[in-house]
Amino acid sequence: MRLMRTAVSLVALAGAVTAGCGSENPQTPQACLQGPAPFRAALAKAPAPVELRGGVRISDCLVQNQAAGELATVGGALVRVATELNEQGRARPGGPAPYGLGYLVGTVRKAAADTGGVHAELARRITSAAAFAGGRALAPAFRRAYERGLRTGLARG
């Protein structure tokens, strides 16, 4: 249910944002529009370079004046992946998920800073999904790996 509300919110946000944007309409790379699976696979490679098919970085998926449907597709996939990585990381704090989650948050924050606010809400939602702890504190191992991934995502994203 939470994912459905997120998707609806992203579509509404995308429509509002693109209605006020200029005529420039860059294309979102096709590798970004294939749902959550390519993002999951790319993040599983971290700390090695995180790329989708064709060498597309996750940050390349957040383009200036992004079309509403493309923003909803990319945003929905990224929020879903963030939620899944958070769940996996809470179950196995010493596993790879917290690092990948941190990387995802970092790269989305970095990309959102360069798109004139178009992706600010998406960055907020992904950060929120990453921070969910189910009423308990996140394990120290989770936090350490997440922070390392966050720094890498901000630097390489």
Foldseek 3Di string as FASTA:
>chain_A
DVLVVQLVVLLVLLVVVLVPDDPDEDDADPQLQPAQVQQLVQLVPPPPHRAGPPRHHLLSRDDASYHSVSRSRNLSNLLVLLLVLLVVCQVPVQDSSLLSLLLSLQQLVLSCVPHVNSCVVSSVSSVVSNQDDPPDHRDPSSVVSSPNSNVSNNVPD
